[in-house]
N, C-alpha and C. Protein backbone atom coordinates (compact mmCIF):
# COMPACT_ATOMS: atom_id res chain seq x y z
N UNK A 1 6.03 -5.57 23.93
CA UNK A 1 4.70 -5.82 23.36
C UNK A 1 4.83 -6.20 21.88
N UNK A 2 4.03 -7.19 21.48
CA UNK A 2 3.98 -7.62 20.09
C UNK A 2 2.63 -7.19 19.52
N UNK A 3 2.65 -6.42 18.44
CA UNK A 3 1.43 -5.93 17.83
C UNK A 3 0.91 -6.88 16.77
N UNK A 4 -0.34 -7.32 16.94
CA UNK A 4 -1.00 -8.16 15.95
C UNK A 4 -1.99 -7.27 15.21
N UNK A 5 -1.75 -7.08 13.92
CA UNK A 5 -2.49 -6.09 13.14
C UNK A 5 -3.90 -6.60 12.86
N UNK A 6 -4.88 -5.83 13.32
CA UNK A 6 -6.28 -6.19 13.17
C UNK A 6 -6.89 -5.41 12.01
N UNK A 7 -7.08 -6.07 10.87
CA UNK A 7 -7.74 -5.43 9.75
C UNK A 7 -8.99 -6.23 9.36
N UNK A 8 -9.59 -6.86 10.40
CA UNK A 8 -10.85 -7.59 10.29
C UNK A 8 -10.74 -8.80 9.37
N UNK A 9 -9.57 -9.40 9.32
CA UNK A 9 -9.37 -10.62 8.54
C UNK A 9 -8.21 -11.39 9.14
N UNK A 10 -8.50 -12.50 9.76
CA UNK A 10 -7.39 -13.28 10.29
C UNK A 10 -7.78 -14.03 11.54
N UNK A 11 -7.01 -15.07 11.80
CA UNK A 11 -7.22 -15.90 12.99
C UNK A 11 -6.43 -15.27 14.13
N UNK A 12 -6.91 -14.14 14.61
CA UNK A 12 -6.12 -13.29 15.49
C UNK A 12 -5.91 -13.90 16.87
N UNK A 13 -6.96 -14.49 17.43
CA UNK A 13 -6.85 -14.98 18.80
C UNK A 13 -5.86 -16.12 18.92
N UNK A 14 -5.85 -17.03 17.96
CA UNK A 14 -4.89 -18.14 18.02
C UNK A 14 -3.45 -17.64 17.96
N UNK A 15 -3.23 -16.64 17.12
CA UNK A 15 -1.88 -16.05 17.03
C UNK A 15 -1.52 -15.37 18.34
N UNK A 16 -2.46 -14.63 18.89
CA UNK A 16 -2.23 -13.95 20.16
C UNK A 16 -1.91 -14.94 21.27
N UNK A 17 -2.68 -16.03 21.36
CA UNK A 17 -2.43 -17.04 22.39
C UNK A 17 -1.04 -17.67 22.22
N UNK A 18 -0.63 -17.91 20.97
CA UNK A 18 0.68 -18.50 20.71
C UNK A 18 1.79 -17.57 21.18
N UNK A 19 1.64 -16.27 20.93
CA UNK A 19 2.63 -15.29 21.38
C UNK A 19 2.67 -15.24 22.91
N UNK A 20 1.50 -15.24 23.53
CA UNK A 20 1.42 -15.22 24.99
C UNK A 20 2.09 -16.45 25.61
N UNK A 21 1.90 -17.62 25.00
CA UNK A 21 2.51 -18.85 25.53
C UNK A 21 4.03 -18.77 25.54
N UNK A 22 4.58 -17.98 24.63
CA UNK A 22 6.03 -17.83 24.56
C UNK A 22 6.54 -16.76 25.53
N UNK A 23 5.63 -16.19 26.30
CA UNK A 23 6.04 -15.25 27.33
C UNK A 23 6.03 -13.79 26.92
N UNK A 24 5.46 -13.49 25.75
CA UNK A 24 5.38 -12.12 25.27
C UNK A 24 3.96 -11.59 25.42
N UNK A 25 3.82 -10.30 25.60
CA UNK A 25 2.51 -9.67 25.62
C UNK A 25 2.07 -9.39 24.19
N UNK A 26 0.89 -9.87 23.81
CA UNK A 26 0.35 -9.64 22.48
C UNK A 26 -0.85 -8.71 22.56
N UNK A 27 -0.90 -7.74 21.65
CA UNK A 27 -2.02 -6.81 21.59
C UNK A 27 -2.59 -6.85 20.18
N UNK A 28 -3.91 -7.14 20.08
CA UNK A 28 -4.61 -7.13 18.79
C UNK A 28 -5.24 -5.76 18.61
N UNK A 29 -4.85 -5.05 17.56
CA UNK A 29 -5.37 -3.69 17.40
C UNK A 29 -5.16 -3.18 15.98
N UNK A 30 -6.00 -2.20 15.60
CA UNK A 30 -5.76 -1.44 14.37
C UNK A 30 -5.36 -0.01 14.68
N UNK A 31 -5.10 0.27 15.95
CA UNK A 31 -4.70 1.61 16.40
C UNK A 31 -3.21 1.80 16.13
N UNK A 32 -2.88 2.64 15.18
CA UNK A 32 -1.47 2.80 14.80
C UNK A 32 -0.65 3.45 15.91
N UNK A 33 -1.28 4.25 16.76
CA UNK A 33 -0.55 4.82 17.89
C UNK A 33 -0.10 3.71 18.83
N UNK A 34 -0.98 2.73 19.06
CA UNK A 34 -0.62 1.60 19.92
C UNK A 34 0.36 0.68 19.22
N UNK A 35 0.13 0.40 17.93
CA UNK A 35 1.05 -0.46 17.18
C UNK A 35 2.46 0.14 17.13
N UNK A 36 2.54 1.45 17.11
CA UNK A 36 3.86 2.11 17.04
C UNK A 36 4.71 1.84 18.28
N UNK A 37 4.06 1.43 19.37
CA UNK A 37 4.78 1.13 20.61
C UNK A 37 5.25 -0.31 20.66
N UNK A 38 4.86 -1.12 19.68
CA UNK A 38 5.22 -2.54 19.66
C UNK A 38 6.70 -2.72 19.31
N UNK A 39 7.26 -3.83 19.76
CA UNK A 39 8.63 -4.20 19.39
C UNK A 39 8.67 -4.91 18.05
N UNK A 40 7.58 -5.57 17.70
CA UNK A 40 7.50 -6.30 16.44
C UNK A 40 6.03 -6.43 16.06
N UNK A 41 5.77 -6.64 14.77
CA UNK A 41 4.41 -6.79 14.28
C UNK A 41 4.19 -8.16 13.65
N UNK A 42 2.92 -8.60 13.71
CA UNK A 42 2.49 -9.81 13.01
C UNK A 42 1.27 -9.44 12.17
N UNK A 43 1.28 -9.86 10.90
CA UNK A 43 0.18 -9.62 9.97
C UNK A 43 -0.45 -10.96 9.61
N UNK A 44 -1.48 -11.39 10.36
CA UNK A 44 -2.14 -12.66 10.01
C UNK A 44 -3.09 -12.45 8.84
N UNK A 45 -3.68 -13.54 8.38
CA UNK A 45 -4.68 -13.41 7.33
C UNK A 45 -5.37 -14.72 7.05
N UNK A 46 -6.71 -14.68 7.01
CA UNK A 46 -7.51 -15.83 6.64
C UNK A 46 -8.63 -15.31 5.75
N UNK A 47 -8.85 -15.98 4.61
CA UNK A 47 -9.91 -15.55 3.71
C UNK A 47 -9.39 -15.26 2.33
N UNK A 48 -10.19 -14.54 1.54
CA UNK A 48 -9.83 -14.23 0.16
C UNK A 48 -8.89 -13.04 0.10
N UNK A 49 -7.91 -13.13 -0.79
CA UNK A 49 -6.89 -12.08 -0.91
C UNK A 49 -7.52 -10.71 -1.15
N UNK A 50 -8.46 -10.63 -2.10
CA UNK A 50 -9.02 -9.34 -2.48
C UNK A 50 -9.65 -8.61 -1.31
N UNK A 51 -10.50 -9.31 -0.55
CA UNK A 51 -11.16 -8.66 0.58
C UNK A 51 -10.17 -8.33 1.67
N UNK A 52 -9.16 -9.19 1.87
CA UNK A 52 -8.15 -8.94 2.90
C UNK A 52 -7.35 -7.68 2.58
N UNK A 53 -6.86 -7.57 1.37
CA UNK A 53 -6.02 -6.42 1.02
C UNK A 53 -6.87 -5.14 0.97
N UNK A 54 -8.14 -5.27 0.58
CA UNK A 54 -9.03 -4.10 0.57
C UNK A 54 -9.29 -3.62 2.00
N UNK A 55 -9.56 -4.57 2.92
CA UNK A 55 -9.76 -4.20 4.33
C UNK A 55 -8.53 -3.51 4.89
N UNK A 56 -7.37 -4.06 4.54
CA UNK A 56 -6.11 -3.50 5.04
C UNK A 56 -5.92 -2.07 4.56
N UNK A 57 -6.14 -1.84 3.28
CA UNK A 57 -5.96 -0.50 2.74
C UNK A 57 -7.03 0.47 3.27
N UNK A 58 -8.28 0.01 3.33
CA UNK A 58 -9.35 0.88 3.80
C UNK A 58 -9.19 1.25 5.27
N UNK A 59 -8.49 0.42 6.02
CA UNK A 59 -8.28 0.69 7.44
C UNK A 59 -7.25 1.80 7.66
N UNK A 60 -6.55 2.18 6.58
CA UNK A 60 -5.53 3.22 6.70
C UNK A 60 -4.22 2.72 7.27
N UNK A 61 -4.04 1.39 7.30
CA UNK A 61 -2.85 0.82 7.93
C UNK A 61 -1.62 0.83 7.02
N UNK A 62 -1.82 0.90 5.69
CA UNK A 62 -0.67 0.74 4.80
C UNK A 62 0.42 1.79 5.00
N UNK A 63 0.09 3.09 5.12
CA UNK A 63 1.17 4.06 5.35
C UNK A 63 1.97 3.77 6.61
N UNK A 64 1.27 3.33 7.65
CA UNK A 64 1.97 2.99 8.89
C UNK A 64 2.91 1.81 8.69
N UNK A 65 2.42 0.76 8.03
CA UNK A 65 3.25 -0.44 7.82
C UNK A 65 4.40 -0.13 6.87
N UNK A 66 4.15 0.68 5.84
CA UNK A 66 5.24 1.10 4.93
C UNK A 66 6.37 1.77 5.72
N UNK A 67 6.00 2.69 6.58
CA UNK A 67 7.01 3.40 7.38
C UNK A 67 7.70 2.44 8.34
N UNK A 68 6.92 1.55 8.94
CA UNK A 68 7.48 0.56 9.87
C UNK A 68 8.58 -0.26 9.19
N UNK A 69 8.27 -0.74 8.00
CA UNK A 69 9.23 -1.57 7.27
C UNK A 69 10.42 -0.74 6.81
N UNK A 70 10.16 0.44 6.30
CA UNK A 70 11.26 1.31 5.84
C UNK A 70 12.17 1.73 6.98
N UNK A 71 11.65 1.76 8.20
CA UNK A 71 12.46 2.09 9.37
C UNK A 71 13.26 0.89 9.88
N UNK A 72 13.12 -0.26 9.21
CA UNK A 72 13.91 -1.44 9.58
C UNK A 72 13.34 -2.25 10.72
N UNK A 73 12.06 -2.02 11.06
CA UNK A 73 11.43 -2.78 12.13
C UNK A 73 10.84 -4.08 11.57
N UNK A 74 10.68 -5.07 12.44
CA UNK A 74 10.32 -6.42 11.98
C UNK A 74 8.82 -6.63 11.87
N UNK A 75 8.46 -7.40 10.83
CA UNK A 75 7.07 -7.81 10.62
C UNK A 75 7.06 -9.24 10.12
N UNK A 76 6.05 -10.01 10.55
CA UNK A 76 5.87 -11.40 10.13
C UNK A 76 4.48 -11.55 9.55
N UNK A 77 4.39 -11.95 8.27
CA UNK A 77 3.11 -12.26 7.64
C UNK A 77 2.79 -13.74 7.78
N UNK A 78 1.51 -14.06 7.95
CA UNK A 78 1.08 -15.45 8.09
C UNK A 78 -0.06 -15.73 7.12
N UNK A 79 0.07 -16.78 6.32
CA UNK A 79 -0.94 -17.28 5.38
C UNK A 79 -1.31 -16.18 4.38
N UNK A 80 -2.55 -15.69 4.36
CA UNK A 80 -2.89 -14.61 3.44
C UNK A 80 -2.08 -13.35 3.78
N UNK A 81 -1.71 -13.20 5.04
CA UNK A 81 -0.83 -12.11 5.44
C UNK A 81 0.51 -12.16 4.73
N UNK A 82 0.98 -13.37 4.40
CA UNK A 82 2.17 -13.52 3.58
C UNK A 82 1.86 -13.17 2.13
N UNK A 83 0.76 -13.70 1.59
CA UNK A 83 0.43 -13.47 0.18
C UNK A 83 0.25 -11.99 -0.13
N UNK A 84 -0.29 -11.24 0.83
CA UNK A 84 -0.49 -9.81 0.63
C UNK A 84 0.81 -9.06 0.42
N UNK A 85 1.92 -9.62 0.87
CA UNK A 85 3.22 -8.95 0.74
C UNK A 85 3.76 -9.00 -0.69
N UNK A 86 3.12 -9.78 -1.57
CA UNK A 86 3.57 -9.92 -2.95
C UNK A 86 2.91 -8.88 -3.87
N UNK A 87 3.30 -8.89 -5.14
CA UNK A 87 2.87 -7.84 -6.07
C UNK A 87 1.42 -8.00 -6.53
N UNK A 88 1.00 -9.25 -6.80
CA UNK A 88 -0.34 -9.47 -7.33
C UNK A 88 -0.87 -10.82 -6.88
N UNK A 89 -2.21 -10.90 -6.83
CA UNK A 89 -2.88 -12.19 -6.64
C UNK A 89 -3.94 -12.35 -7.71
N UNK A 90 -4.16 -13.60 -8.12
CA UNK A 90 -5.18 -13.92 -9.10
C UNK A 90 -6.30 -14.73 -8.48
N UNK A 91 -6.56 -14.49 -7.20
CA UNK A 91 -7.65 -15.18 -6.51
C UNK A 91 -8.96 -14.46 -6.79
N UNK A 92 -9.83 -15.12 -7.57
CA UNK A 92 -11.15 -14.56 -7.93
C UNK A 92 -11.02 -13.17 -8.57
N UNK A 93 -10.11 -13.07 -9.50
CA UNK A 93 -9.84 -11.79 -10.16
C UNK A 93 -8.36 -11.47 -10.07
N UNK A 94 -8.01 -10.26 -10.38
CA UNK A 94 -6.62 -9.80 -10.25
C UNK A 94 -6.58 -8.63 -9.29
N UNK A 95 -5.73 -8.75 -8.28
CA UNK A 95 -5.65 -7.74 -7.23
C UNK A 95 -4.19 -7.35 -6.99
N UNK A 96 -3.99 -6.08 -6.77
CA UNK A 96 -2.65 -5.58 -6.46
C UNK A 96 -2.33 -5.82 -5.00
N UNK A 97 -1.16 -6.42 -4.76
CA UNK A 97 -0.71 -6.63 -3.41
C UNK A 97 0.11 -5.45 -2.91
N UNK A 98 0.77 -5.65 -1.79
CA UNK A 98 1.52 -4.57 -1.16
C UNK A 98 2.91 -4.40 -1.76
N UNK A 99 3.40 -5.43 -2.48
CA UNK A 99 4.60 -5.28 -3.29
C UNK A 99 5.92 -5.29 -2.54
N UNK A 100 5.95 -5.84 -1.34
CA UNK A 100 7.22 -5.90 -0.61
C UNK A 100 8.11 -7.01 -1.15
N UNK A 101 7.49 -8.04 -1.74
CA UNK A 101 8.24 -9.11 -2.41
C UNK A 101 7.79 -9.20 -3.86
N UNK A 102 8.73 -9.52 -4.75
CA UNK A 102 8.40 -9.72 -6.15
C UNK A 102 7.69 -11.07 -6.32
N UNK A 103 6.71 -11.09 -7.24
CA UNK A 103 6.05 -12.34 -7.55
C UNK A 103 4.54 -12.26 -7.47
N UNK A 104 3.89 -13.28 -8.05
CA UNK A 104 2.44 -13.37 -8.08
C UNK A 104 1.95 -14.51 -7.20
N UNK A 105 0.69 -14.40 -6.80
CA UNK A 105 0.02 -15.45 -6.03
C UNK A 105 -1.00 -16.10 -6.95
N UNK A 106 -0.86 -17.43 -7.17
CA UNK A 106 -1.67 -18.14 -8.16
C UNK A 106 -2.31 -19.38 -7.55
N UNK A 107 -3.35 -19.86 -8.20
CA UNK A 107 -4.07 -21.05 -7.73
C UNK A 107 -3.28 -22.31 -8.08
N UNK A 108 -3.38 -23.32 -7.24
CA UNK A 108 -2.79 -24.61 -7.57
C UNK A 108 -3.45 -25.16 -8.83
N UNK A 109 -2.65 -25.75 -9.69
CA UNK A 109 -3.16 -26.29 -10.94
C UNK A 109 -3.65 -27.71 -10.75
N UNK A 110 -4.64 -28.11 -11.56
CA UNK A 110 -5.10 -29.49 -11.57
C UNK A 110 -3.96 -30.40 -12.01
N UNK A 111 -3.89 -31.63 -11.51
CA UNK A 111 -4.90 -32.34 -10.71
C UNK A 111 -4.69 -32.20 -9.20
N UNK A 112 -3.92 -31.22 -8.76
CA UNK A 112 -3.69 -31.07 -7.33
C UNK A 112 -5.00 -30.76 -6.60
N UNK A 113 -5.18 -31.39 -5.47
CA UNK A 113 -6.38 -31.15 -4.67
C UNK A 113 -6.32 -29.76 -4.04
N UNK A 114 -7.44 -29.05 -4.12
CA UNK A 114 -7.54 -27.71 -3.56
C UNK A 114 -8.70 -27.70 -2.55
N UNK A 115 -8.49 -27.18 -1.34
CA UNK A 115 -7.26 -26.53 -0.89
C UNK A 115 -6.18 -27.53 -0.50
N UNK A 116 -4.94 -27.05 -0.49
CA UNK A 116 -3.84 -27.79 0.12
C UNK A 116 -4.03 -27.65 1.63
N UNK A 117 -4.40 -28.75 2.27
CA UNK A 117 -4.73 -28.68 3.70
C UNK A 117 -4.13 -29.87 4.42
N UNK A 118 -3.31 -29.58 5.43
CA UNK A 118 -2.72 -30.64 6.23
C UNK A 118 -1.25 -30.39 6.52
N UNK A 119 -0.61 -31.43 6.99
CA UNK A 119 0.79 -31.34 7.44
C UNK A 119 1.72 -31.69 6.30
N UNK A 120 2.68 -30.81 6.03
CA UNK A 120 3.70 -31.05 5.02
C UNK A 120 5.07 -30.65 5.56
N UNK A 121 6.10 -31.21 4.93
CA UNK A 121 7.46 -30.98 5.41
C UNK A 121 8.03 -29.66 4.89
N UNK A 122 8.94 -29.12 5.67
CA UNK A 122 9.72 -27.97 5.24
C UNK A 122 11.00 -28.46 4.58
N UNK A 123 11.28 -27.95 3.39
CA UNK A 123 12.52 -28.23 2.67
C UNK A 123 13.33 -26.94 2.66
N UNK A 124 14.41 -26.91 3.42
CA UNK A 124 15.16 -25.67 3.63
C UNK A 124 15.93 -25.28 2.38
N UNK A 125 15.71 -24.06 1.93
CA UNK A 125 16.39 -23.52 0.75
C UNK A 125 17.70 -22.83 1.11
N UNK A 126 17.70 -22.15 2.25
CA UNK A 126 18.92 -21.48 2.70
C UNK A 126 18.84 -21.28 4.22
N UNK A 127 19.98 -21.21 4.87
CA UNK A 127 19.97 -21.02 6.33
C UNK A 127 19.47 -19.63 6.70
N UNK A 128 18.83 -19.55 7.86
CA UNK A 128 18.35 -18.27 8.36
C UNK A 128 18.13 -18.43 9.86
N UNK A 129 18.36 -17.38 10.65
CA UNK A 129 18.12 -17.47 12.09
C UNK A 129 16.69 -17.85 12.43
N UNK A 130 15.74 -17.60 11.53
CA UNK A 130 14.36 -17.99 11.77
C UNK A 130 14.22 -19.50 11.94
N UNK A 131 15.15 -20.24 11.37
CA UNK A 131 15.08 -21.70 11.41
C UNK A 131 16.04 -22.32 12.43
N UNK A 132 16.54 -21.54 13.36
CA UNK A 132 17.42 -22.10 14.39
C UNK A 132 16.68 -23.22 15.13
N UNK A 133 17.27 -24.41 15.10
CA UNK A 133 16.67 -25.56 15.77
C UNK A 133 15.68 -26.33 14.92
N UNK A 134 15.32 -25.81 13.75
CA UNK A 134 14.39 -26.48 12.84
C UNK A 134 15.19 -27.35 11.88
N UNK A 135 14.73 -28.56 11.68
CA UNK A 135 15.44 -29.49 10.80
C UNK A 135 14.72 -29.65 9.47
N UNK A 136 15.48 -29.93 8.43
CA UNK A 136 14.91 -30.24 7.14
C UNK A 136 13.97 -31.43 7.29
N UNK A 137 12.75 -31.30 6.81
CA UNK A 137 11.78 -32.38 6.93
C UNK A 137 10.82 -32.25 8.09
N UNK A 138 10.99 -31.25 8.94
CA UNK A 138 10.01 -31.00 10.00
C UNK A 138 8.66 -30.63 9.38
N UNK A 139 7.59 -31.03 10.08
CA UNK A 139 6.24 -30.81 9.55
C UNK A 139 5.61 -29.53 10.10
N UNK A 140 4.83 -28.85 9.22
CA UNK A 140 4.04 -27.69 9.62
C UNK A 140 2.67 -27.79 8.93
N UNK A 141 1.73 -26.97 9.38
CA UNK A 141 0.33 -27.12 8.96
C UNK A 141 -0.09 -26.03 7.97
N UNK A 142 -0.59 -26.48 6.81
CA UNK A 142 -1.01 -25.59 5.73
C UNK A 142 -2.52 -25.66 5.51
N UNK A 143 -3.12 -24.53 5.14
CA UNK A 143 -4.49 -24.47 4.62
C UNK A 143 -4.53 -23.34 3.60
N UNK A 144 -4.48 -23.67 2.31
CA UNK A 144 -4.51 -22.62 1.29
C UNK A 144 -4.77 -23.21 -0.08
N UNK A 145 -5.39 -22.40 -0.94
CA UNK A 145 -5.68 -22.78 -2.32
C UNK A 145 -4.80 -22.06 -3.32
N UNK A 146 -4.12 -21.01 -2.87
CA UNK A 146 -3.24 -20.21 -3.72
C UNK A 146 -1.85 -20.18 -3.10
N UNK A 147 -0.84 -20.01 -3.94
CA UNK A 147 0.53 -19.99 -3.44
C UNK A 147 1.35 -18.96 -4.19
N UNK A 148 2.43 -18.53 -3.57
CA UNK A 148 3.24 -17.44 -4.11
C UNK A 148 4.38 -17.96 -4.98
N UNK A 149 4.51 -17.38 -6.17
CA UNK A 149 5.64 -17.66 -7.05
C UNK A 149 6.71 -16.61 -6.73
N UNK A 150 7.59 -16.98 -5.84
CA UNK A 150 8.53 -16.01 -5.26
C UNK A 150 9.89 -16.08 -5.93
N UNK A 151 10.64 -14.99 -5.81
CA UNK A 151 12.05 -14.96 -6.20
C UNK A 151 12.79 -15.95 -5.30
N UNK A 152 13.54 -16.85 -5.90
CA UNK A 152 14.20 -17.90 -5.13
C UNK A 152 15.11 -17.32 -4.05
N UNK A 153 15.69 -16.15 -4.30
CA UNK A 153 16.58 -15.54 -3.31
C UNK A 153 15.85 -15.14 -2.03
N UNK A 154 14.53 -14.95 -2.12
CA UNK A 154 13.74 -14.58 -0.95
C UNK A 154 13.24 -15.79 -0.18
N UNK A 155 13.33 -16.98 -0.79
CA UNK A 155 12.73 -18.18 -0.20
C UNK A 155 13.67 -18.82 0.82
N UNK A 156 13.19 -18.94 2.04
CA UNK A 156 13.95 -19.62 3.10
C UNK A 156 13.64 -21.11 3.08
N UNK A 157 12.38 -21.47 2.82
CA UNK A 157 12.00 -22.89 2.78
C UNK A 157 10.82 -23.09 1.85
N UNK A 158 10.80 -24.26 1.21
CA UNK A 158 9.69 -24.69 0.38
C UNK A 158 8.98 -25.84 1.08
N UNK A 159 7.80 -26.18 0.55
CA UNK A 159 7.21 -27.48 0.82
C UNK A 159 6.90 -28.12 -0.53
N UNK A 160 6.74 -29.44 -0.55
CA UNK A 160 6.45 -30.15 -1.79
C UNK A 160 4.97 -30.49 -1.82
N UNK A 161 4.24 -29.88 -2.75
CA UNK A 161 2.84 -30.24 -2.98
C UNK A 161 2.63 -30.34 -4.49
N UNK A 162 3.27 -31.37 -5.05
CA UNK A 162 3.23 -31.56 -6.49
C UNK A 162 4.17 -30.63 -7.23
N UNK A 163 4.62 -29.61 -6.55
CA UNK A 163 5.59 -28.63 -7.06
C UNK A 163 6.22 -27.97 -5.85
N UNK A 164 7.30 -27.23 -6.05
CA UNK A 164 7.88 -26.49 -4.94
C UNK A 164 6.97 -25.32 -4.59
N UNK A 165 6.49 -25.31 -3.36
CA UNK A 165 5.58 -24.27 -2.88
C UNK A 165 6.31 -23.43 -1.84
N UNK A 166 6.30 -22.12 -2.03
CA UNK A 166 6.95 -21.23 -1.07
C UNK A 166 6.30 -21.37 0.29
N UNK A 167 7.10 -21.76 1.29
CA UNK A 167 6.60 -21.96 2.65
C UNK A 167 7.04 -20.84 3.58
N UNK A 168 8.29 -20.37 3.42
CA UNK A 168 8.81 -19.28 4.24
C UNK A 168 9.62 -18.35 3.35
N UNK A 169 9.36 -17.05 3.47
CA UNK A 169 10.18 -16.07 2.78
C UNK A 169 10.76 -15.11 3.80
N UNK A 170 11.84 -14.46 3.41
CA UNK A 170 12.43 -13.48 4.31
C UNK A 170 13.46 -12.63 3.60
N UNK A 171 13.47 -11.37 3.96
CA UNK A 171 14.49 -10.45 3.47
C UNK A 171 14.62 -9.31 4.47
N UNK A 172 15.82 -9.18 5.01
CA UNK A 172 16.11 -8.14 6.00
C UNK A 172 15.11 -8.22 7.16
N UNK A 173 14.23 -7.24 7.32
CA UNK A 173 13.34 -7.21 8.48
C UNK A 173 11.94 -7.75 8.20
N UNK A 174 11.72 -8.35 7.02
CA UNK A 174 10.41 -8.89 6.65
C UNK A 174 10.48 -10.41 6.57
N UNK A 175 9.62 -11.08 7.34
CA UNK A 175 9.48 -12.53 7.27
C UNK A 175 8.02 -12.87 7.00
N UNK A 176 7.79 -14.07 6.45
CA UNK A 176 6.41 -14.52 6.26
C UNK A 176 6.39 -16.04 6.08
N UNK A 177 5.27 -16.63 6.51
CA UNK A 177 5.06 -18.08 6.36
C UNK A 177 3.72 -18.33 5.69
N UNK A 178 3.72 -19.27 4.74
CA UNK A 178 2.44 -19.66 4.13
C UNK A 178 1.63 -20.53 5.09
N UNK A 179 2.30 -21.32 5.86
CA UNK A 179 1.64 -22.18 6.86
C UNK A 179 1.31 -21.36 8.11
N UNK A 180 0.59 -22.01 9.01
CA UNK A 180 0.19 -21.37 10.26
C UNK A 180 1.12 -21.83 11.40
N UNK A 181 2.08 -21.01 11.81
CA UNK A 181 2.96 -21.44 12.91
C UNK A 181 2.19 -21.67 14.20
N UNK A 182 1.09 -20.92 14.40
CA UNK A 182 0.31 -21.06 15.63
C UNK A 182 -0.47 -22.36 15.68
N UNK A 183 -0.52 -23.10 14.55
CA UNK A 183 -1.20 -24.39 14.50
C UNK A 183 -0.25 -25.54 14.18
N UNK A 184 1.06 -25.24 14.19
CA UNK A 184 2.06 -26.20 13.70
C UNK A 184 2.89 -26.83 14.81
N UNK A 185 2.28 -27.04 15.96
CA UNK A 185 2.89 -27.79 17.05
C UNK A 185 4.27 -27.22 17.41
N UNK A 186 5.20 -28.10 17.77
CA UNK A 186 6.50 -27.65 18.28
C UNK A 186 7.32 -26.91 17.23
N UNK A 187 7.25 -27.35 15.98
CA UNK A 187 8.02 -26.67 14.93
C UNK A 187 7.51 -25.25 14.71
N UNK A 188 6.20 -25.09 14.64
CA UNK A 188 5.64 -23.76 14.48
C UNK A 188 5.95 -22.86 15.66
N UNK A 189 5.87 -23.43 16.85
CA UNK A 189 6.18 -22.65 18.06
C UNK A 189 7.63 -22.19 18.05
N UNK A 190 8.53 -23.06 17.59
CA UNK A 190 9.95 -22.71 17.54
C UNK A 190 10.20 -21.60 16.52
N UNK A 191 9.55 -21.69 15.36
CA UNK A 191 9.72 -20.65 14.34
C UNK A 191 9.19 -19.31 14.84
N UNK A 192 8.04 -19.34 15.51
CA UNK A 192 7.49 -18.10 16.07
C UNK A 192 8.40 -17.56 17.16
N UNK A 193 8.92 -18.44 18.00
CA UNK A 193 9.86 -18.02 19.04
C UNK A 193 11.10 -17.39 18.43
N UNK A 194 11.63 -18.01 17.38
CA UNK A 194 12.82 -17.45 16.71
C UNK A 194 12.53 -16.07 16.15
N UNK A 195 11.36 -15.91 15.54
CA UNK A 195 11.00 -14.59 15.00
C UNK A 195 10.97 -13.54 16.11
N UNK A 196 10.31 -13.86 17.20
CA UNK A 196 10.19 -12.90 18.29
C UNK A 196 11.54 -12.59 18.90
N UNK A 197 12.41 -13.58 18.99
CA UNK A 197 13.77 -13.35 19.51
C UNK A 197 14.55 -12.43 18.59
N UNK A 198 14.48 -12.70 17.28
CA UNK A 198 15.17 -11.85 16.29
C UNK A 198 14.64 -10.41 16.37
N UNK A 199 13.32 -10.29 16.39
CA UNK A 199 12.68 -8.98 16.29
C UNK A 199 12.84 -8.13 17.53
N UNK A 200 12.95 -8.77 18.68
CA UNK A 200 13.01 -8.01 19.94
C UNK A 200 14.38 -8.04 20.58
N UNK A 201 15.32 -8.72 19.98
CA UNK A 201 16.63 -8.88 20.61
C UNK A 201 16.59 -9.77 21.82
N UNK A 202 15.55 -10.61 21.91
CA UNK A 202 15.43 -11.57 23.01
C UNK A 202 14.73 -11.01 24.23
N UNK A 203 14.30 -9.75 24.17
CA UNK A 203 13.63 -9.14 25.32
C UNK A 203 12.14 -9.40 25.30
N UNK A 204 11.58 -9.71 26.47
CA UNK A 204 10.14 -9.98 26.58
C UNK A 204 9.46 -8.85 27.33
């Protein structure tokens, strides 16, 4: 079972359907007892950082996720779910993130069009099993107005949107994508499949 964390912010059904298409059972829930039975977790996110991180904390999920990560179990953040893993965001104010990765989340500077929306290429920064079968220059789908200024050592891939934009980060058992793998056709499906294979040891 793959647990999709429900904190009332995120495109949960599309993520669930993508997991199901790959042959895994997906459960959308905020029940930590049920999530504890999962083989891997996914933290989606759509909307403003402040409300997303507030919903997450108010739901009481943070202690569970902290323990999950400290126990070496796998989690994948998507879009705002990725941004929440950083230390701070400056979206409509200043908000403290969950702090699993160093760095801030900032708005794209002018004259770049905001939001960054559409298909952009992945520029691979370093090899990782998450990218097995993915080639440099493959396209994925982005929708976001803010981006993470990450430690280069954590960055698996960038995209070019007037500047290097963190597209995929990863360290040990934590992965995250700024783009939406569930909306990114074959490349997104492959990245999601690789994550699930890594996280579950290939068992469905």
